Amino acid sequence: MTLQTPQPPPSALRAVLAALSSPTALRQPGAAAPRNTVGALLPAHPLAVHQLPPGTTTARALAAAPRTGWRFLVKHGTVVVAAAEVVRSAEGHTFAHFAAGPYPDSTVRALAEAWQLVQQRRTAYQPRLLSMPDYYATALWLHATDADPAGDLLLPLAPAPLGITAHRAYPAGELLALLGRPTPRVTAVA
């Protein structure tokens, strides 16, 4: 089938465009790559960001994960140099931060893998980002738009938590169960 990428609200796009032209925003630690480029920076590939509520262990419960904002990949020409995140506010959306490091590149890779993956399926998916703060992880969430939430897929971004394979498409319920399992205690041997 296909990925159905939703359009971000106009206030989210305005917030990220304002940040890309703001010397103050570009002085943030995560903005080193955008700050050091010459030429236009453009927001691309907007993804709604949802946050996994503590204790979420099933795909059905995942469907209620609240949307907290939008993340845009920031491109300089054809190269992704960072990500910019905006959050909901009284005015609509407000710039939150730039992100550098492995997540922007991992997001690009996960999106490419998602496009290939959905070609083999009959379901339409909406790509989202799922922030999982309790597990120090983020995943590309492929939400089945016209099917049972049990059909949702999660592709953990790199770096992934111990025992989880980055960029592997997990059924949402399977990944949530893996993340929720107790971690074994490590004892020192003298």
C-alpha atoms as a PDB file:
ATOM      1  CA  MET A   1       0.000   0.000   0.000  1.00  0.00           C
ATOM      2  CA  THR A   2       1.517   3.364   0.956  1.00  0.00           C
ATOM      3  CA  LEU A   3       2.538   5.811   3.648  1.00  0.00           C
ATOM      4  CA  GLN A   4       0.077   8.649   4.165  1.00  0.00           C
ATOM      5  CA  THR A   5       2.103  11.550   5.529  1.00  0.00           C
ATOM      6  CA  PRO A   6      -0.157  14.145   7.166  1.00  0.00           C
ATOM      7  CA  GLN A   7       0.459  17.857   6.727  1.00  0.00           C
ATOM      8  CA  PRO A   8       1.573  19.629   9.898  1.00  0.00           C
ATOM      9  CA  PRO A   9      -0.555  22.482  11.223  1.00  0.00           C
ATOM     10  CA  PRO A  10       0.463  25.897   9.820  1.00  0.00           C
ATOM     11  CA  SER A  11       1.579  27.024  13.304  1.00  0.00           C
ATOM     12  CA  ALA A  12       4.061  24.122  13.488  1.00  0.00           C
ATOM     13  CA  LEU A  13       5.594  25.009  10.138  1.00  0.00           C
ATOM     14  CA  ARG A  14       5.762  28.710  11.073  1.00  0.00           C
ATOM     15  CA  ALA A  15       7.520  27.856  14.351  1.00  0.00           C
ATOM     16  CA  VAL A  16      10.210  25.768  12.682  1.00  0.00           C
ATOM     17  CA  LEU A  17      10.755  28.311   9.895  1.00  0.00           C
ATOM     18  CA  ALA A  18      11.143  31.066  12.495  1.00  0.00           C
ATOM     19  CA  ALA A  19      13.704  28.959  14.391  1.00  0.00           C
ATOM     20  CA  LEU A  20      15.712  28.305  11.227  1.00  0.00           C
ATOM     21  CA  SER A  21      16.060  32.051  10.717  1.00  0.00           C
ATOM     22  CA  SER A  22      16.652  32.903  14.389  1.00  0.00           C
ATOM     23  CA  PRO A  23      20.258  33.535  15.510  1.00  0.00           C
ATOM     24  CA  THR A  24      19.185  32.757  19.086  1.00  0.00           C
ATOM     25  CA  ALA A  25      17.698  29.354  18.183  1.00  0.00           C
ATOM     26  CA  LEU A  26      20.694  28.516  16.009  1.00  0.00           C
ATOM     27  CA  ARG A  27      23.029  29.032  18.996  1.00  0.00           C
ATOM     28  CA  GLN A  28      21.533  25.997  20.772  1.00  0.00           C
ATOM     29  CA  PRO A  29      23.887  23.012  21.256  1.00  0.00           C
ATOM     30  CA  GLY A  30      21.961  20.774  18.825  1.00  0.00           C
ATOM     31  CA  ALA A  31      22.126  23.438  16.121  1.00  0.00           C
ATOM     32  CA  ALA A  32      25.850  23.221  15.315  1.00  0.00           C
ATOM     33  CA  ALA A  33      25.292  21.651  11.875  1.00  0.00           C
ATOM     34  CA  PRO A  34      22.550  24.087  10.758  1.00  0.00           C
ATOM     35  CA  ARG A  35      24.466  27.038  12.207  1.00  0.00           C
ATOM     36  CA  ASN A  36      27.610  26.149  10.232  1.00  0.00           C
ATOM     37  CA  THR A  37      25.939  25.753   6.832  1.00  0.00           C
ATOM     38  CA  VAL A  38      25.962  28.340   4.094  1.00  0.00           C
ATOM     39  CA  GLY A  39      22.703  28.659   2.204  1.00  0.00           C
ATOM     40  CA  ALA A  40      19.070  27.834   2.748  1.00  0.00           C
ATOM     41  CA  LEU A  41      17.894  25.388   5.384  1.00  0.00           C
ATOM     42  CA  LEU A  42      14.538  23.786   4.705  1.00  0.00           C
ATOM     43  CA  PRO A  43      12.230  21.757   6.932  1.00  0.00           C
ATOM     44  CA  ALA A  44      11.259  18.420   5.392  1.00  0.00           C
ATOM     45  CA  HIS A  45       9.531  15.147   6.290  1.00  0.00           C
ATOM     46  CA  PRO A  46       7.278  16.432   9.101  1.00  0.00           C
ATOM     47  CA  LEU A  47       6.322  13.715  11.563  1.00  0.00           C
ATOM     48  CA  ALA A  48       3.837  14.005  14.391  1.00  0.00           C
ATOM     49  CA  VAL A  49       5.528  13.189  17.704  1.00  0.00           C
ATOM     50  CA  HIS A  50       3.585  11.077  20.177  1.00  0.00           C
ATOM     51  CA  GLN A  51       4.712  10.158  23.674  1.00  0.00           C
ATOM     52  CA  LEU A  52       4.331   6.658  25.044  1.00  0.00           C
ATOM     53  CA  PRO A  53       2.453   6.850  28.363  1.00  0.00           C
ATOM     54  CA  PRO A  54       4.046   4.903  31.235  1.00  0.00           C
ATOM     55  CA  GLY A  55       2.683   1.388  31.521  1.00  0.00           C
ATOM     56  CA  THR A  56       1.578   1.116  27.863  1.00  0.00           C
ATOM     57  CA  THR A  57       1.988  -2.538  26.951  1.00  0.00           C
ATOM     58  CA  THR A  58      -0.462  -3.193  24.095  1.00  0.00           C
ATOM     59  CA  ALA A  59      -0.968  -1.912  20.571  1.00  0.00           C
ATOM     60  CA  ARG A  60      -4.550  -0.912  21.434  1.00  0.00           C
ATOM     61  CA  ALA A  61      -3.345   1.243  24.345  1.00  0.00           C
ATOM     62  CA  LEU A  62      -0.649   2.730  22.086  1.00  0.00           C
ATOM     63  CA  ALA A  63      -3.385   4.212  19.895  1.00  0.00           C
ATOM     64  CA  ALA A  64      -4.146   6.660  22.740  1.00  0.00           C
ATOM     65  CA  ALA A  65      -0.567   7.987  22.973  1.00  0.00           C
ATOM     66  CA  PRO A  66      -0.916  11.793  22.998  1.00  0.00           C
ATOM     67  CA  ARG A  67       0.589  13.911  20.248  1.00  0.00           C
ATOM     68  CA  THR A  68       3.041  16.359  21.804  1.00  0.00           C
ATOM     69  CA  GLY A  69       4.269  18.160  18.707  1.00  0.00           C
ATOM     70  CA  TRP A  70       6.005  17.770  15.356  1.00  0.00           C
ATOM     71  CA  ARG A  71       9.557  16.971  14.299  1.00  0.00           C
ATOM     72  CA  PHE A  72      10.955  18.146  10.995  1.00  0.00           C
ATOM     73  CA  LEU A  73      14.151  16.972   9.379  1.00  0.00           C
ATOM     74  CA  VAL A  74      16.263  19.995   8.459  1.00  0.00           C
ATOM     75  CA  LYS A  75      17.809  19.774   4.998  1.00  0.00           C
ATOM     76  CA  HIS A  76      20.668  21.704   3.469  1.00  0.00           C
ATOM     77  CA  GLY A  77      20.280  20.894  -0.202  1.00  0.00           C
ATOM     78  CA  THR A  78      19.671  17.149  -0.256  1.00  0.00           C
ATOM     79  CA  VAL A  79      21.507  16.412   3.005  1.00  0.00           C
ATOM     80  CA  VAL A  80      19.736  16.138   6.378  1.00  0.00           C
ATOM     81  CA  VAL A  81      21.828  18.136   8.874  1.00  0.00           C
ATOM     82  CA  ALA A  82      19.579  18.076  11.968  1.00  0.00           C
ATOM     83  CA  ALA A  83      16.019  17.808  13.204  1.00  0.00           C
ATOM     84  CA  ALA A  84      13.850  20.571  14.643  1.00  0.00           C
ATOM     85  CA  GLU A  85      11.042  19.876  17.092  1.00  0.00           C
ATOM     86  CA  VAL A  86       8.058  22.041  17.890  1.00  0.00           C
ATOM     87  CA  VAL A  87       5.608  21.457  20.741  1.00  0.00           C
ATOM     88  CA  ARG A  88       1.998  22.400  21.311  1.00  0.00           C
ATOM     89  CA  SER A  89       1.456  25.756  23.001  1.00  0.00           C
ATOM     90  CA  ALA A  90      -1.295  28.285  23.624  1.00  0.00           C
ATOM     91  CA  GLU A  91      -0.324  29.972  20.340  1.00  0.00           C
ATOM     92  CA  GLY A  92      -0.529  26.692  18.421  1.00  0.00           C
ATOM     93  CA  HIS A  93       3.079  25.485  18.324  1.00  0.00           C
ATOM     94  CA  THR A  94       6.384  26.759  19.690  1.00  0.00           C
ATOM     95  CA  PHE A  95       9.921  25.813  18.721  1.00  0.00           C
ATOM     96  CA  ALA A  96      11.430  23.449  21.313  1.00  0.00           C
ATOM     97  CA  HIS A  97      14.896  22.392  20.154  1.00  0.00           C
ATOM     98  CA  PHE A  98      17.202  21.193  17.435  1.00  0.00           C
ATOM     99  CA  ALA A  99      18.453  17.615  17.555  1.00  0.00           C
ATOM    100  CA  ALA A 100      21.729  16.371  16.191  1.00  0.00           C
ATOM    101  CA  GLY A 101      23.510  13.081  16.612  1.00  0.00           C
ATOM    102  CA  PRO A 102      22.263   9.709  15.411  1.00  0.00           C
ATOM    103  CA  TYR A 103      18.486  10.287  15.453  1.00  0.00           C
ATOM    104  CA  PRO A 104      18.119  12.459  12.305  1.00  0.00           C
ATOM    105  CA  ASP A 105      20.136   9.989  10.201  1.00  0.00           C
ATOM    106  CA  SER A 106      18.343   7.057  11.785  1.00  0.00           C
ATOM    107  CA  THR A 107      14.979   8.697  10.993  1.00  0.00           C
ATOM    108  CA  VAL A 108      15.959   9.059   7.322  1.00  0.00           C
ATOM    109  CA  ARG A 109      16.949   5.395   7.212  1.00  0.00           C
ATOM    110  CA  ALA A 110      13.756   4.265   8.989  1.00  0.00           C
ATOM    111  CA  LEU A 111      11.581   6.271   6.568  1.00  0.00           C
ATOM    112  CA  ALA A 112      13.303   4.644   3.581  1.00  0.00           C
ATOM    113  CA  GLU A 113      12.824   1.211   5.148  1.00  0.00           C
ATOM    114  CA  ALA A 114       9.177   2.017   5.878  1.00  0.00           C
ATOM    115  CA  TRP A 115       8.511   2.948   2.238  1.00  0.00           C
ATOM    116  CA  GLN A 116       9.898  -0.431   1.157  1.00  0.00           C
ATOM    117  CA  LEU A 117       8.016  -2.306   3.868  1.00  0.00           C
ATOM    118  CA  VAL A 118       4.572  -0.888   3.124  1.00  0.00           C
ATOM    119  CA  GLN A 119       4.816  -1.721  -0.583  1.00  0.00           C
ATOM    120  CA  GLN A 120       4.349  -5.373   0.411  1.00  0.00           C
ATOM    121  CA  ARG A 121       1.240  -4.768   2.528  1.00  0.00           C
ATOM    122  CA  ARG A 122      -2.419  -4.037   1.847  1.00  0.00           C
ATOM    123  CA  THR A 123      -2.756  -1.547   4.691  1.00  0.00           C
ATOM    124  CA  ALA A 124      -2.161   2.213   4.500  1.00  0.00           C
ATOM    125  CA  TYR A 125       0.115   3.536   7.231  1.00  0.00           C
ATOM    126  CA  GLN A 126       0.665   6.954   8.740  1.00  0.00           C
ATOM    127  CA  PRO A 127       4.277   7.508   9.816  1.00  0.00           C
ATOM    128  CA  ARG A 128       4.718   9.075  13.255  1.00  0.00           C
ATOM    129  CA  LEU A 129       7.508   9.344  15.781  1.00  0.00           C
ATOM    130  CA  LEU A 130       6.999   7.651  19.116  1.00  0.00           C
ATOM    131  CA  SER A 131       9.014   9.052  21.996  1.00  0.00           C
ATOM    132  CA  MET A 132       9.508   6.441  24.710  1.00  0.00           C
ATOM    133  CA  PRO A 133      11.182   8.381  27.536  1.00  0.00           C
ATOM    134  CA  ASP A 134      10.926   5.552  30.067  1.00  0.00           C
ATOM    135  CA  TYR A 135      13.128   3.459  27.754  1.00  0.00           C
ATOM    136  CA  TYR A 136      15.389   6.262  26.458  1.00  0.00           C
ATOM    137  CA  ALA A 137      14.240   5.391  22.949  1.00  0.00           C
ATOM    138  CA  THR A 138      12.419   6.683  19.899  1.00  0.00           C
ATOM    139  CA  ALA A 139      10.740   4.687  17.143  1.00  0.00           C
ATOM    140  CA  LEU A 140       9.165   5.347  13.786  1.00  0.00           C
ATOM    141  CA  TRP A 141       5.549   4.342  14.391  1.00  0.00           C
ATOM    142  CA  LEU A 142       3.672   3.073  11.355  1.00  0.00           C
ATOM    143  CA  HIS A 143       0.058   3.534  12.401  1.00  0.00           C
ATOM    144  CA  ALA A 144      -2.380   1.428  10.371  1.00  0.00           C
ATOM    145  CA  THR A 145      -4.910   4.071   9.287  1.00  0.00           C
ATOM    146  CA  ASP A 146      -7.682   1.777   8.088  1.00  0.00           C
ATOM    147  CA  ALA A 147      -7.070  -1.361  10.122  1.00  0.00           C
ATOM    148  CA  ASP A 148      -6.998  -2.713  13.645  1.00  0.00           C
ATOM    149  CA  PRO A 149      -4.346  -0.996  15.840  1.00  0.00           C
ATOM    150  CA  ALA A 150      -2.856  -4.455  16.361  1.00  0.00           C
ATOM    151  CA  GLY A 151      -1.466  -3.990  12.829  1.00  0.00           C
ATOM    152  CA  ASP A 152       0.704  -1.026  13.875  1.00  0.00           C
ATOM    153  CA  LEU A 153       4.454  -1.435  13.415  1.00  0.00           C
ATOM    154  CA  LEU A 154       7.357   0.137  15.298  1.00  0.00           C
ATOM    155  CA  LEU A 155      10.857   0.606  13.875  1.00  0.00           C
ATOM    156  CA  PRO A 156      13.198   1.545  16.746  1.00  0.00           C
ATOM    157  CA  LEU A 157      15.678   4.254  15.818  1.00  0.00           C
ATOM    158  CA  ALA A 158      19.377   3.832  16.513  1.00  0.00           C
ATOM    159  CA  PRO A 159      20.613   3.726  19.171  1.00  0.00           C
ATOM    160  CA  ALA A 160      18.022   1.287  20.464  1.00  0.00           C
ATOM    161  CA  PRO A 161      17.713  -0.063  24.015  1.00  0.00           C
ATOM    162  CA  LEU A 162      19.652  -3.190  24.952  1.00  0.00           C
ATOM    163  CA  GLY A 163      17.995  -6.287  23.510  1.00  0.00           C
ATOM    164  CA  ILE A 164      16.099  -4.336  20.813  1.00  0.00           C
ATOM    165  CA  THR A 165      17.252  -4.305  17.190  1.00  0.00           C
ATOM    166  CA  ALA A 166      17.273  -0.847  15.616  1.00  0.00           C
ATOM    167  CA  HIS A 167      15.525  -0.573  12.251  1.00  0.00           C
ATOM    168  CA  ARG A 168      13.731  -3.896  12.599  1.00  0.00           C
ATOM    169  CA  ALA A 169       9.978  -3.639  12.035  1.00  0.00           C
ATOM    170  CA  TYR A 170       8.298  -5.002  15.158  1.00  0.00           C
ATOM    171  CA  PRO A 171       4.554  -5.479  15.553  1.00  0.00           C
ATOM    172  CA  ALA A 172       3.749  -2.767  18.113  1.00  0.00           C
ATOM    173  CA  GLY A 173       2.496  -5.204  20.739  1.00  0.00           C
ATOM    174  CA  GLU A 174       5.646  -7.321  20.443  1.00  0.00           C
ATOM    175  CA  LEU A 175       8.034  -4.387  20.916  1.00  0.00           C
ATOM    176  CA  LEU A 176       6.030  -2.977  23.823  1.00  0.00           C
ATOM    177  CA  ALA A 177       6.121  -6.390  25.526  1.00  0.00           C
ATOM    178  CA  LEU A 178       9.901  -6.612  25.012  1.00  0.00           C
ATOM    179  CA  LEU A 179      10.407  -3.137  26.458  1.00  0.00           C
ATOM    180  CA  GLY A 180       8.152  -3.886  29.426  1.00  0.00           C
ATOM    181  CA  ARG A 181       9.904  -7.060  30.484  1.00  0.00           C
ATOM    182  CA  PRO A 182      11.923  -6.873  33.684  1.00  0.00           C
ATOM    183  CA  THR A 183      15.634  -6.375  33.179  1.00  0.00           C
ATOM    184  CA  PRO A 184      17.866  -9.033  34.684  1.00  0.00           C
ATOM    185  CA  ARG A 185      20.012  -7.935  37.591  1.00  0.00           C
ATOM    186  CA  VAL A 186      23.736  -8.060  37.103  1.00  0.00           C
ATOM    187  CA  THR A 187      25.716  -9.111  40.118  1.00  0.00           C
ATOM    188  CA  ALA A 188      29.424  -8.595  40.518  1.00  0.00           C
ATOM    189  CA  VAL A 189      31.545 -11.658  41.030  1.00  0.00           C
ATOM    190  CA  ALA A 190      34.480 -11.165  43.404  1.00  0.00           C
END
